[in-house]
C-alpha atoms as a PDB file:
ATOM      1  CA  MET A   1      59.525 -35.108  46.453  1.00  0.00           C
ATOM      2  CA  ALA A   2      63.198 -36.295  46.116  1.00  0.00           C
ATOM      3  CA  ASN A   3      65.655 -37.609  47.766  1.00  0.00           C
ATOM      4  CA  PRO A   4      67.506 -35.721  47.482  1.00  0.00           C
ATOM      5  CA  SER A   5      65.599 -32.649  46.864  1.00  0.00           C
ATOM      6  CA  ARG A   6      64.751 -32.066  43.405  1.00  0.00           C
ATOM      7  CA  THR A   7      66.581 -27.984  44.575  1.00  0.00           C
ATOM      8  CA  LYS A   8      69.715 -29.851  45.570  1.00  0.00           C
ATOM      9  CA  GLN A   9      69.432 -31.871  42.240  1.00  0.00           C
ATOM     10  CA  LEU A  10      69.020 -28.684  40.312  1.00  0.00           C
ATOM     11  CA  ILE A  11      72.045 -26.903  41.829  1.00  0.00           C
ATOM     12  CA  GLU A  12      74.420 -29.810  41.544  1.00  0.00           C
ATOM     13  CA  VAL A  13      73.617 -29.949  37.412  1.00  0.00           C
ATOM     14  CA  PHE A  14      74.595 -25.780  37.941  1.00  0.00           C
ATOM     15  CA  GLN A  15      77.848 -26.307  39.735  1.00  0.00           C
ATOM     16  CA  GLN A  16      78.995 -29.505  37.406  1.00  0.00           C
ATOM     17  CA  ARG A  17      78.221 -27.413  34.001  1.00  0.00           C
ATOM     18  CA  ASP A  18      79.836 -24.476  35.631  1.00  0.00           C
ATOM     19  CA  GLY A  19      76.218 -22.384  35.016  1.00  0.00           C
ATOM     20  CA  GLY A  20      73.229 -21.765  32.924  1.00  0.00           C
ATOM     21  CA  SER A  21      69.897 -22.481  33.486  1.00  0.00           C
ATOM     22  CA  VAL A  22      68.593 -26.142  34.735  1.00  0.00           C
ATOM     23  CA  LEU A  23      65.348 -27.642  34.072  1.00  0.00           C
ATOM     24  CA  ALA A  24      63.875 -30.265  36.859  1.00  0.00           C
ATOM     25  CA  CYS A  25      62.149 -33.128  34.123  1.00  0.00           C
ATOM     26  CA  LYS A  26      60.252 -36.526  34.569  1.00  0.00           C
ATOM     27  CA  ARG A  27      59.841 -38.700  32.056  1.00  0.00           C
ATOM     28  CA  VAL A  28      56.645 -38.997  30.770  1.00  0.00           C
ATOM     29  CA  ARG A  29      54.971 -42.293  30.529  1.00  0.00           C
ATOM     30  CA  GLU A  30      50.996 -41.455  29.382  1.00  0.00           C
ATOM     31  CA  PRO A  31      50.033 -39.995  26.222  1.00  0.00           C
ATOM     32  CA  GLU A  32      47.789 -37.545  28.306  1.00  0.00           C
ATOM     33  CA  GLU A  33      50.370 -36.453  30.191  1.00  0.00           C
ATOM     34  CA  TYR A  34      52.282 -34.825  26.589  1.00  0.00           C
ATOM     35  CA  GLU A  35      49.462 -32.524  26.569  1.00  0.00           C
ATOM     36  CA  ARG A  36      50.299 -31.269  30.249  1.00  0.00           C
ATOM     37  CA  TYR A  37      53.838 -30.208  29.996  1.00  0.00           C
ATOM     38  CA  GLY A  38      56.194 -28.605  28.173  1.00  0.00           C
ATOM     39  CA  ILE A  39      59.052 -31.257  26.734  1.00  0.00           C
ATOM     40  CA  VAL A  40      62.278 -30.660  25.961  1.00  0.00           C
ATOM     41  CA  ALA A  41      64.634 -31.973  23.725  1.00  0.00           C
ATOM     42  CA  GLY A  42      68.550 -31.336  22.929  1.00  0.00           C
ATOM     43  CA  GLU A  43      71.923 -33.027  23.314  1.00  0.00           C
ATOM     44  CA  SER A  44      72.474 -35.986  25.982  1.00  0.00           C
ATOM     45  CA  LEU A  45      75.001 -35.140  28.019  1.00  0.00           C
ATOM     46  CA  SER A  46      74.257 -38.738  30.229  1.00  0.00           C
ATOM     47  CA  ASP A  47      71.615 -40.489  31.196  1.00  0.00           C
ATOM     48  CA  GLN A  48      69.593 -38.082  32.744  1.00  0.00           C
ATOM     49  CA  LEU A  49      70.714 -34.893  31.458  1.00  0.00           C
ATOM     50  CA  LEU A  50      70.480 -32.874  28.610  1.00  0.00           C
ATOM     51  CA  LYS A  51      71.734 -29.757  26.969  1.00  0.00           C
ATOM     52  CA  VAL A  52      68.548 -27.680  25.792  1.00  0.00           C
ATOM     53  CA  SER A  53      67.997 -27.193  22.639  1.00  0.00           C
ATOM     54  CA  GLN A  54      64.303 -27.134  22.311  1.00  0.00           C
ATOM     55  CA  ILE A  55      61.272 -26.754  24.474  1.00  0.00           C
ATOM     56  CA  VAL A  56      57.545 -27.330  23.414  1.00  0.00           C
ATOM     57  CA  GLU A  57      54.726 -26.124  25.381  1.00  0.00           C
ATOM     58  CA  LYS A  58      51.877 -29.155  25.711  1.00  0.00           C
ATOM     59  CA  PRO A  59      52.801 -30.535  21.999  1.00  0.00           C
ATOM     60  CA  GLY A  60      50.539 -33.464  22.010  1.00  0.00           C
ATOM     61  CA  ILE A  61      52.512 -37.257  21.583  1.00  0.00           C
ATOM     62  CA  ILE A  62      52.683 -36.510  17.522  1.00  0.00           C
ATOM     63  CA  GLY A  63      54.506 -33.044  17.942  1.00  0.00           C
ATOM     64  CA  ALA A  64      56.730 -34.352  20.911  1.00  0.00           C
ATOM     65  CA  PRO A  65      60.696 -33.460  20.291  1.00  0.00           C
ATOM     66  CA  SER A  66      61.347 -36.532  23.345  1.00  0.00           C
ATOM     67  CA  ASP A  67      59.716 -38.061  26.257  1.00  0.00           C
ATOM     68  CA  LEU A  68      61.510 -35.592  28.812  1.00  0.00           C
ATOM     69  CA  ALA A  69      58.952 -32.880  30.327  1.00  0.00           C
ATOM     70  CA  SER A  70      59.661 -29.919  32.424  1.00  0.00           C
ATOM     71  CA  VAL A  71      57.587 -30.358  35.473  1.00  0.00           C
ATOM     72  CA  SER A  72      58.242 -26.450  37.043  1.00  0.00           C
ATOM     73  CA  GLY A  73      61.376 -26.725  38.942  1.00  0.00           C
ATOM     74  CA  TYR A  74      63.985 -24.464  37.437  1.00  0.00           C
ATOM     75  CA  LEU A  75      67.356 -22.846  38.426  1.00  0.00           C
ATOM     76  CA  PHE A  76      67.860 -19.800  36.201  1.00  0.00           C
ATOM     77  CA  THR A  77      70.652 -17.481  35.693  1.00  0.00           C
ATOM     78  CA  PRO A  78      69.574 -13.357  36.279  1.00  0.00           C
ATOM     79  CA  ASP A  79      69.453 -13.957  32.436  1.00  0.00           C
ATOM     80  CA  ILE A  80      65.713 -14.949  32.671  1.00  0.00           C
ATOM     81  CA  PHE A  81      64.362 -11.415  33.528  1.00  0.00           C
ATOM     82  CA  LYS A  82      65.536 -10.048  29.993  1.00  0.00           C
ATOM     83  CA  PHE A  83      63.760 -12.944  28.135  1.00  0.00           C
ATOM     84  CA  VAL A  84      60.442 -12.500  30.363  1.00  0.00           C
ATOM     85  CA  GLU A  85      60.389  -8.828  29.749  1.00  0.00           C
ATOM     86  CA  GLN A  86      60.792  -9.346  25.946  1.00  0.00           C
ATOM     87  CA  ALA A  87      58.212 -12.012  26.286  1.00  0.00           C
ATOM     88  CA  ALA A  88      55.393 -10.097  28.129  1.00  0.00           C
ATOM     89  CA  ARG A  89      56.035  -7.190  25.267  1.00  0.00           C
ATOM     90  CA  ARG A  90      54.941  -9.011  22.248  1.00  0.00           C
ATOM     91  CA  LEU A  91      51.857 -10.609  24.084  1.00  0.00           C
ATOM     92  CA  GLU A  92      48.357  -9.827  22.552  1.00  0.00           C
ATOM     93  CA  PRO A  93      45.822  -8.555  25.249  1.00  0.00           C
ATOM     94  CA  GLY A  94      44.644 -11.619  26.982  1.00  0.00           C
ATOM     95  CA  GLN A  95      47.431 -13.868  26.122  1.00  0.00           C
ATOM     96  CA  GLU A  96      49.361 -15.896  29.145  1.00  0.00           C
ATOM     97  CA  LEU A  97      52.687 -15.339  29.276  1.00  0.00           C
ATOM     98  CA  MET A  98      54.436 -18.100  29.306  1.00  0.00           C
ATOM     99  CA  ILE A  99      57.743 -19.442  30.613  1.00  0.00           C
ATOM    100  CA  GLN A 100      58.711 -21.654  27.871  1.00  0.00           C
ATOM    101  CA  THR A 101      58.602 -18.479  25.355  1.00  0.00           C
ATOM    102  CA  ALA A 102      61.726 -17.097  27.405  1.00  0.00           C
ATOM    103  CA  ILE A 103      63.316 -20.260  28.098  1.00  0.00           C
ATOM    104  CA  GLN A 104      63.141 -20.753  24.398  1.00  0.00           C
ATOM    105  CA  ALA A 105      64.532 -17.062  23.051  1.00  0.00           C
ATOM    106  CA  MET A 106      67.602 -18.324  25.925  1.00  0.00           C
ATOM    107  CA  ILE A 107      68.421 -21.284  23.996  1.00  0.00           C
ATOM    108  CA  ASP A 108      68.229 -19.222  21.044  1.00  0.00           C
ATOM    109  CA  ASN A 109      70.524 -16.253  21.915  1.00  0.00           C
ATOM    110  CA  LYS A 110      73.173 -19.587  22.676  1.00  0.00           C
ATOM    111  CA  LEU A 111      72.668 -19.075  26.999  1.00  0.00           C
ATOM    112  CA  PRO A 112      72.839 -22.343  27.885  1.00  0.00           C
ATOM    113  CA  VAL A 113      69.825 -24.500  29.571  1.00  0.00           C
ATOM    114  CA  TYR A 114      69.750 -27.936  30.805  1.00  0.00           C
ATOM    115  CA  ALA A 115      67.200 -30.702  31.610  1.00  0.00           C
ATOM    116  CA  VAL A 116      67.984 -33.209  34.441  1.00  0.00           C
ATOM    117  CA  GLU A 117      65.585 -35.969  35.000  1.00  0.00           C
ATOM    118  CA  ILE A 118      65.044 -35.566  38.680  1.00  0.00           C
ATOM    119  CA  LYS A 119      66.108 -38.752  40.762  1.00  0.00           C
ATOM    120  CA  ASN A 120      64.640 -40.579  43.392  1.00  0.00           C
ATOM    121  CA  GLY A 121      61.242 -38.320  42.738  1.00  0.00           C
ATOM    122  CA  THR A 122      57.426 -38.322  42.818  1.00  0.00           C
ATOM    123  CA  TYR A 123      55.814 -35.521  40.797  1.00  0.00           C
ATOM    124  CA  HIS A 124      52.246 -34.754  41.144  1.00  0.00           C
ATOM    125  CA  ASP A 125      50.690 -32.737  38.687  1.00  0.00           C
ATOM    126  CA  THR A 126      48.690 -29.625  40.764  1.00  0.00           C
ATOM    127  CA  GLY A 127      46.534 -28.584  38.070  1.00  0.00           C
ATOM    128  CA  ASN A 128      44.964 -31.828  38.597  1.00  0.00           C
ATOM    129  CA  LYS A 129      42.590 -32.522  41.040  1.00  0.00           C
ATOM    130  CA  LEU A 130      43.677 -36.059  42.211  1.00  0.00           C
ATOM    131  CA  ASP A 131      47.328 -35.535  41.995  1.00  0.00           C
ATOM    132  CA  TYR A 132      46.842 -31.988  44.139  1.00  0.00           C
ATOM    133  CA  LEU A 133      45.430 -34.261  46.897  1.00  0.00           C
ATOM    134  CA  LYS A 134      48.065 -36.776  46.679  1.00  0.00           C
ATOM    135  CA  THR A 135      50.341 -33.652  46.984  1.00  0.00           C
ATOM    136  CA  VAL A 136      48.629 -32.893  50.449  1.00  0.00           C
ATOM    137  CA  VAL A 137      48.656 -36.685  51.814  1.00  0.00           C
ATOM    138  CA  ASP A 138      52.713 -36.994  50.518  1.00  0.00           C
ATOM    139  CA  SER A 139      53.145 -33.391  52.237  1.00  0.00           C
ATOM    140  CA  LEU A 140      51.451 -34.476  55.481  1.00  0.00           C
ATOM    141  CA  TYR A 141      53.167 -38.072  55.866  1.00  0.00           C
ATOM    142  CA  SER A 142      56.750 -36.285  54.550  1.00  0.00           C
ATOM    143  CA  THR A 143      56.397 -34.232  57.915  1.00  0.00           C
ATOM    144  CA  ARG A 144      55.706 -36.937  60.427  1.00  0.00           C
ATOM    145  CA  SER A 145      58.960 -39.099  59.134  1.00  0.00           C
END
């Protein structure tokens, strides 16, 4: 949850940059977080905005190119579909399709991808049971306000 909403913040970056895909991000603080998220790196355009040159899925603290984590909020241009299809065709049987592969392919093909650190937001990793419960409680609370 964020104020203004995460979606609104992504749209604002998209409009300010005249297009390009935008990733919602947060700063990681704990060492184990580097093993839960895709970590981005790139050219700093402001305190909270990067033009992404690299995204590495769950690199661990040693392999992380920065402390800015992509947290599953995206505003993609339609270009993403071509790169997802290409990534899917290269999968071995049983391999998981990772969106980060398609994002990196977009970057490698010179398509602009930006990462924005979401302001005034709270992020809970719903892959973690405690964070999932926090999400449910926060959602219930926010609907009553």
